[in-house]
C-alpha cells in the first residue's frame, strides 16, 4: 500500500473525488454486495478508479516496482 496526497483547492479535490466516485459506483454495480464473497469496499474501488483515471489504464495488467534505499 502507498499514500498519495493532492494539495490543491477544495473545489478541485471535490471534482477529482466525484470523478473517482462515479467510476467506482459504476464498477460496484457489477460486483457482489456486502457480506458476499468477492465484495470490494467502495473506498478500494475509488482508489482503483483514481489510478485508472490518472494513468488512462484500459484493463491491462498492472506492474509494480519497489525501490529500497
Protein backbone atom coordinates (compact mmCIF):
# COMPACT_ATOMS: atom_id res chain seq x y z
CA UNK A 1 0.00 0.00 0.00
CA UNK A 2 1.03 3.58 -0.54
CA UNK A 3 -0.41 7.00 0.04
CA UNK A 4 -0.82 9.79 -2.48
CA UNK A 5 -1.61 13.34 -1.45
CA UNK A 6 -3.04 16.12 -3.55
CA UNK A 7 -2.60 19.71 -2.46
CA UNK A 8 -4.96 21.96 -4.37
CA UNK A 9 -8.20 23.83 -3.86
CA UNK A 10 -11.17 22.18 -2.19
CA UNK A 11 -13.16 22.64 -5.39
CA UNK A 12 -10.60 20.71 -7.44
CA UNK A 13 -10.31 17.99 -4.80
CA UNK A 14 -14.08 17.52 -4.84
CA UNK A 15 -14.05 17.30 -8.65
CA UNK A 16 -11.38 14.58 -8.52
CA UNK A 17 -13.26 12.73 -5.75
CA UNK A 18 -16.55 12.90 -7.62
CA UNK A 19 -14.96 11.58 -10.82
CA UNK A 20 -13.37 8.64 -8.98
CA UNK A 21 -16.59 8.01 -7.05
CA UNK A 22 -18.68 7.92 -10.23
CA UNK A 23 -16.38 5.32 -11.82
CA UNK A 24 -16.28 3.28 -8.59
CA UNK A 25 -20.06 3.24 -8.27
CA UNK A 26 -20.39 2.07 -11.88
CA UNK A 27 -17.95 -0.78 -11.21
CA UNK A 28 -19.68 -1.70 -7.94
CA UNK A 29 -22.97 -2.29 -9.74
CA UNK A 30 -21.48 -5.44 -11.29
CA UNK A 31 -19.84 -6.78 -8.10
CA UNK A 32 -21.07 -8.83 -5.13
CA UNK A 33 -22.70 -6.93 -2.27
CA UNK A 34 -21.57 -6.60 1.37
CA UNK A 35 -21.20 -9.93 3.14
CA UNK A 36 -20.71 -11.78 -0.14
CA UNK A 37 -17.52 -13.45 -1.26
CA UNK A 38 -15.61 -11.13 -3.56
CA UNK A 39 -17.07 -7.96 -2.02
CA UNK A 40 -14.85 -4.91 -2.53
CA UNK A 41 -15.42 -1.83 -0.35
CA UNK A 42 -16.28 1.39 -2.18
CA UNK A 43 -13.10 3.07 -0.87
CA UNK A 44 -10.98 0.41 -2.59
CA UNK A 45 -12.97 0.83 -5.79
CA UNK A 46 -12.42 4.62 -5.60
CA UNK A 47 -8.66 4.08 -5.26
CA UNK A 48 -8.65 1.78 -8.29
CA UNK A 49 -10.80 4.25 -10.23
CA UNK A 50 -8.45 7.13 -9.44
CA UNK A 51 -5.46 5.14 -10.69
CA UNK A 52 -7.42 4.21 -13.82
CA UNK A 53 -8.33 7.85 -14.47
CA UNK A 54 -4.83 9.19 -13.90
CA UNK A 55 -2.97 6.53 -15.86
CA UNK A 56 -5.62 6.05 -18.56
CA UNK A 57 -5.43 2.34 -17.80
CA UNK A 58 -7.56 0.27 -20.11
CA UNK A 59 -7.66 -3.03 -18.27
CA UNK A 60 -4.05 -4.04 -18.95
CA UNK A 61 -2.37 -5.81 -16.05
CA UNK A 62 -0.62 -3.60 -13.52
CA UNK A 63 3.05 -3.97 -12.76
CA UNK A 64 4.76 -2.72 -9.65
CA UNK A 65 8.29 -1.64 -8.92
CA UNK A 66 9.76 -1.19 -5.47
CA UNK A 67 12.91 0.78 -4.81
CA UNK A 68 14.51 0.34 -1.40
CA UNK A 69 17.07 2.93 -0.39
